[in-house]
Amino acid sequence: MLSDGDSRTFHALVQDAVYGFIKVLKKDCINHIHKWMGAVLRALLGKFRAQGEPLGGKGRLAQDRIKKITNYYGYALRSHKHDVPGMQ
């Protein structure tokens, strides 16, 4: 098992078949995915602000809303680790 975004290492191990018949799995840490989601939403917010497009109005995407979304996303991942349909 390989984790935490080591994609170059993962691809090298799979391509070279270093371990022969043993299958190498890649798993991502829930905390890293949770953090990534917040970073993507903040970047999206910054992109719209830079273009001068408003994200205002009821239910707008603001820092507090981003925090709630990422917390909910992290909760869904943690509470349904081995149940992908349950996350939906």
N, C-alpha and C. Protein backbone atom coordinates (compact mmCIF):
# COMPACT_ATOMS: atom_id res chain seq x y z
N MET A 1 0.85 -1.18 0.00
CA MET A 1 0.00 0.00 0.00
C MET A 1 0.89 1.23 0.00
N LEU A 2 0.51 2.20 -0.77
CA LEU A 2 1.23 3.46 -0.90
C LEU A 2 0.21 4.56 -0.68
N SER A 3 0.58 5.62 0.02
CA SER A 3 -0.42 6.64 0.30
C SER A 3 0.16 8.04 0.26
N ASP A 4 -0.71 9.01 0.46
CA ASP A 4 -0.38 10.43 0.60
C ASP A 4 0.17 11.05 -0.68
N GLY A 5 -0.39 10.69 -1.81
CA GLY A 5 -0.09 11.38 -3.04
C GLY A 5 1.26 11.08 -3.67
N ASP A 6 1.84 9.93 -3.38
CA ASP A 6 3.11 9.55 -3.99
C ASP A 6 2.85 8.97 -5.38
N SER A 7 2.30 9.76 -6.29
CA SER A 7 1.86 9.21 -7.57
C SER A 7 3.03 8.78 -8.45
N ARG A 8 4.13 9.49 -8.45
CA ARG A 8 5.28 9.07 -9.26
C ARG A 8 5.82 7.74 -8.77
N THR A 9 5.94 7.60 -7.49
CA THR A 9 6.43 6.35 -6.92
C THR A 9 5.47 5.22 -7.23
N PHE A 10 4.18 5.48 -7.09
CA PHE A 10 3.17 4.46 -7.37
C PHE A 10 3.26 3.99 -8.81
N HIS A 11 3.29 4.93 -9.75
CA HIS A 11 3.34 4.56 -11.17
C HIS A 11 4.63 3.82 -11.50
N ALA A 12 5.74 4.21 -10.88
CA ALA A 12 7.01 3.51 -11.12
C ALA A 12 6.94 2.08 -10.61
N LEU A 13 6.36 1.87 -9.44
CA LEU A 13 6.25 0.52 -8.88
C LEU A 13 5.33 -0.36 -9.72
N VAL A 14 4.24 0.19 -10.19
CA VAL A 14 3.30 -0.58 -11.01
C VAL A 14 3.93 -0.90 -12.37
N GLN A 15 4.56 0.08 -12.97
CA GLN A 15 5.14 -0.10 -14.31
C GLN A 15 6.30 -1.10 -14.30
N ASP A 16 7.16 -1.02 -13.31
CA ASP A 16 8.33 -1.89 -13.25
C ASP A 16 8.03 -3.26 -12.64
N ALA A 17 6.84 -3.43 -12.08
CA ALA A 17 6.44 -4.68 -11.41
C ALA A 17 7.52 -5.12 -10.44
N VAL A 18 7.93 -4.21 -9.59
CA VAL A 18 9.03 -4.44 -8.64
C VAL A 18 8.76 -5.62 -7.73
N TYR A 19 7.52 -5.78 -7.31
CA TYR A 19 7.19 -6.84 -6.37
C TYR A 19 6.62 -8.08 -7.05
N GLY A 20 6.78 -8.16 -8.34
CA GLY A 20 6.34 -9.34 -9.07
C GLY A 20 4.83 -9.49 -9.07
N PHE A 21 4.36 -10.57 -8.49
CA PHE A 21 2.93 -10.88 -8.52
C PHE A 21 2.13 -10.15 -7.44
N ILE A 22 2.81 -9.44 -6.53
CA ILE A 22 2.11 -8.72 -5.47
C ILE A 22 1.58 -7.40 -6.03
N LYS A 23 0.30 -7.18 -5.89
CA LYS A 23 -0.34 -5.97 -6.41
C LYS A 23 -0.12 -4.80 -5.45
N VAL A 24 0.34 -3.68 -5.98
CA VAL A 24 0.56 -2.48 -5.18
C VAL A 24 -0.71 -1.64 -5.22
N LEU A 25 -1.22 -1.27 -4.06
CA LEU A 25 -2.43 -0.46 -3.96
C LEU A 25 -2.09 0.95 -3.53
N LYS A 26 -2.84 1.90 -4.04
CA LYS A 26 -2.66 3.29 -3.64
C LYS A 26 -3.89 3.73 -2.87
N LYS A 27 -3.69 4.22 -1.67
CA LYS A 27 -4.79 4.74 -0.86
C LYS A 27 -4.45 6.16 -0.44
N ASP A 28 -5.44 7.01 -0.49
CA ASP A 28 -5.25 8.40 -0.08
C ASP A 28 -5.74 8.60 1.34
N CYS A 29 -5.04 9.42 2.07
CA CYS A 29 -5.41 9.74 3.44
C CYS A 29 -6.66 10.63 3.43
N ILE A 30 -7.59 10.33 4.29
CA ILE A 30 -8.84 11.10 4.36
C ILE A 30 -8.55 12.57 4.66
N ASN A 31 -7.59 12.83 5.53
CA ASN A 31 -7.27 14.21 5.88
C ASN A 31 -6.72 14.98 4.68
N HIS A 32 -5.93 14.31 3.83
CA HIS A 32 -5.40 14.99 2.65
C HIS A 32 -6.51 15.30 1.65
N ILE A 33 -7.44 14.37 1.49
CA ILE A 33 -8.56 14.61 0.58
C ILE A 33 -9.44 15.74 1.11
N HIS A 34 -9.67 15.75 2.40
CA HIS A 34 -10.45 16.80 3.06
C HIS A 34 -9.79 18.16 2.83
N LYS A 35 -8.49 18.22 3.03
CA LYS A 35 -7.73 19.46 2.83
C LYS A 35 -7.76 19.88 1.36
N TRP A 36 -7.64 18.91 0.46
CA TRP A 36 -7.65 19.18 -0.98
C TRP A 36 -8.98 19.81 -1.40
N MET A 37 -10.08 19.29 -0.88
CA MET A 37 -11.40 19.82 -1.21
C MET A 37 -11.51 21.29 -0.83
N GLY A 38 -11.04 21.65 0.36
CA GLY A 38 -11.07 23.04 0.79
C GLY A 38 -10.21 23.93 -0.10
N ALA A 39 -9.03 23.43 -0.47
CA ALA A 39 -8.13 24.20 -1.32
C ALA A 39 -8.74 24.44 -2.70
N VAL A 40 -9.40 23.44 -3.25
CA VAL A 40 -10.03 23.58 -4.56
C VAL A 40 -11.17 24.60 -4.51
N LEU A 41 -11.98 24.54 -3.48
CA LEU A 41 -13.09 25.49 -3.36
C LEU A 41 -12.58 26.92 -3.14
N ARG A 42 -11.52 27.08 -2.35
CA ARG A 42 -10.96 28.42 -2.15
C ARG A 42 -10.35 28.96 -3.44
N ALA A 43 -9.71 28.09 -4.23
CA ALA A 43 -9.15 28.51 -5.52
C ALA A 43 -10.27 28.91 -6.48
N LEU A 44 -11.37 28.18 -6.46
CA LEU A 44 -12.52 28.51 -7.30
C LEU A 44 -13.08 29.88 -6.92
N LEU A 45 -13.18 30.12 -5.63
CA LEU A 45 -13.66 31.41 -5.14
C LEU A 45 -12.73 32.53 -5.59
N GLY A 46 -11.42 32.32 -5.47
CA GLY A 46 -10.45 33.32 -5.91
C GLY A 46 -10.50 33.56 -7.41
N LYS A 47 -10.74 32.51 -8.18
CA LYS A 47 -10.82 32.64 -9.64
C LYS A 47 -12.01 33.51 -10.03
N PHE A 48 -13.16 33.27 -9.41
CA PHE A 48 -14.34 34.08 -9.73
C PHE A 48 -14.15 35.53 -9.29
N ARG A 49 -13.51 35.74 -8.15
CA ARG A 49 -13.27 37.11 -7.69
C ARG A 49 -12.32 37.84 -8.62
N ALA A 50 -11.30 37.15 -9.12
CA ALA A 50 -10.33 37.76 -10.02
C ALA A 50 -10.98 38.14 -11.35
N GLN A 51 -11.95 37.37 -11.79
CA GLN A 51 -12.65 37.67 -13.04
C GLN A 51 -13.72 38.73 -12.85
N GLY A 52 -13.97 39.10 -11.61
CA GLY A 52 -14.97 40.11 -11.33
C GLY A 52 -16.40 39.58 -11.34
N GLU A 53 -16.55 38.27 -11.38
CA GLU A 53 -17.88 37.68 -11.37
C GLU A 53 -18.36 37.52 -9.93
N PRO A 54 -19.56 37.97 -9.66
CA PRO A 54 -20.05 37.86 -8.28
C PRO A 54 -20.49 36.44 -7.93
N LEU A 55 -20.25 36.09 -6.71
CA LEU A 55 -20.76 34.83 -6.17
C LEU A 55 -21.69 35.15 -5.01
N GLY A 56 -22.35 36.28 -5.13
CA GLY A 56 -23.20 36.75 -4.04
C GLY A 56 -24.57 36.12 -4.06
N GLY A 57 -25.40 36.64 -3.21
CA GLY A 57 -26.76 36.15 -3.12
C GLY A 57 -26.92 35.14 -2.01
N LYS A 58 -28.13 34.66 -1.88
CA LYS A 58 -28.43 33.70 -0.83
C LYS A 58 -27.67 32.39 -1.08
N GLY A 59 -27.02 31.87 -0.05
CA GLY A 59 -26.28 30.63 -0.16
C GLY A 59 -24.98 30.76 -0.93
N ARG A 60 -24.43 31.96 -0.95
CA ARG A 60 -23.22 32.20 -1.73
C ARG A 60 -22.03 31.41 -1.18
N LEU A 61 -21.03 31.25 -2.02
CA LEU A 61 -19.83 30.52 -1.62
C LEU A 61 -18.90 31.49 -0.89
N ALA A 62 -18.86 31.37 0.42
CA ALA A 62 -18.00 32.21 1.26
C ALA A 62 -17.13 31.29 2.10
N GLN A 63 -16.20 31.86 2.85
CA GLN A 63 -15.27 31.07 3.65
C GLN A 63 -15.99 30.16 4.65
N ASP A 64 -17.02 30.68 5.29
CA ASP A 64 -17.74 29.84 6.26
C ASP A 64 -18.48 28.70 5.56
N ARG A 65 -19.00 28.96 4.36
CA ARG A 65 -19.68 27.91 3.59
C ARG A 65 -18.68 26.85 3.12
N ILE A 66 -17.50 27.29 2.70
CA ILE A 66 -16.45 26.36 2.28
C ILE A 66 -16.06 25.45 3.44
N LYS A 67 -15.94 26.04 4.62
CA LYS A 67 -15.58 25.24 5.80
C LYS A 67 -16.65 24.20 6.10
N LYS A 68 -17.92 24.57 5.99
CA LYS A 68 -19.00 23.62 6.24
C LYS A 68 -19.00 22.50 5.21
N ILE A 69 -18.79 22.84 3.95
CA ILE A 69 -18.77 21.83 2.89
C ILE A 69 -17.63 20.85 3.10
N THR A 70 -16.44 21.37 3.39
CA THR A 70 -15.29 20.48 3.58
C THR A 70 -15.44 19.62 4.82
N ASN A 71 -16.01 20.17 5.88
CA ASN A 71 -16.25 19.36 7.08
C ASN A 71 -17.26 18.25 6.82
N TYR A 72 -18.31 18.56 6.08
CA TYR A 72 -19.30 17.54 5.74
C TYR A 72 -18.67 16.46 4.86
N TYR A 73 -17.85 16.89 3.91
CA TYR A 73 -17.16 15.96 3.00
C TYR A 73 -16.24 15.03 3.80
N GLY A 74 -15.47 15.59 4.73
CA GLY A 74 -14.59 14.79 5.58
C GLY A 74 -15.38 13.82 6.44
N TYR A 75 -16.51 14.27 6.98
CA TYR A 75 -17.36 13.41 7.79
C TYR A 75 -17.89 12.23 6.97
N ALA A 76 -18.33 12.52 5.74
CA ALA A 76 -18.85 11.46 4.87
C ALA A 76 -17.77 10.43 4.57
N LEU A 77 -16.56 10.88 4.34
CA LEU A 77 -15.46 9.96 4.07
C LEU A 77 -15.12 9.11 5.29
N ARG A 78 -15.07 9.74 6.45
CA ARG A 78 -14.70 9.01 7.67
C ARG A 78 -15.77 8.01 8.10
N SER A 79 -17.02 8.38 7.95
CA SER A 79 -18.10 7.53 8.45
C SER A 79 -18.43 6.38 7.51
N HIS A 80 -17.98 6.44 6.26
CA HIS A 80 -18.26 5.38 5.28
C HIS A 80 -16.97 4.94 4.59
N LYS A 81 -15.95 4.63 5.35
CA LYS A 81 -14.64 4.28 4.80
C LYS A 81 -14.70 3.18 3.75
N HIS A 82 -15.45 2.14 4.02
CA HIS A 82 -15.47 0.97 3.14
C HIS A 82 -16.79 0.82 2.40
N ASP A 83 -17.58 1.88 2.36
CA ASP A 83 -18.91 1.82 1.75
C ASP A 83 -19.08 3.01 0.80
N VAL A 84 -18.60 2.86 -0.44
CA VAL A 84 -18.65 3.96 -1.40
C VAL A 84 -20.08 4.41 -1.68
N PRO A 85 -21.04 3.51 -1.93
CA PRO A 85 -22.42 3.98 -2.14
C PRO A 85 -22.98 4.72 -0.92
N GLY A 86 -22.52 4.37 0.27
CA GLY A 86 -22.99 5.04 1.48
C GLY A 86 -22.53 6.48 1.57
N MET A 87 -21.43 6.82 0.90
CA MET A 87 -20.93 8.19 0.90
C MET A 87 -21.84 9.11 0.10
N GLN A 88 -22.52 8.55 -0.86
CA GLN A 88 -23.37 9.36 -1.73
C GLN A 88 -24.62 9.70 -0.99
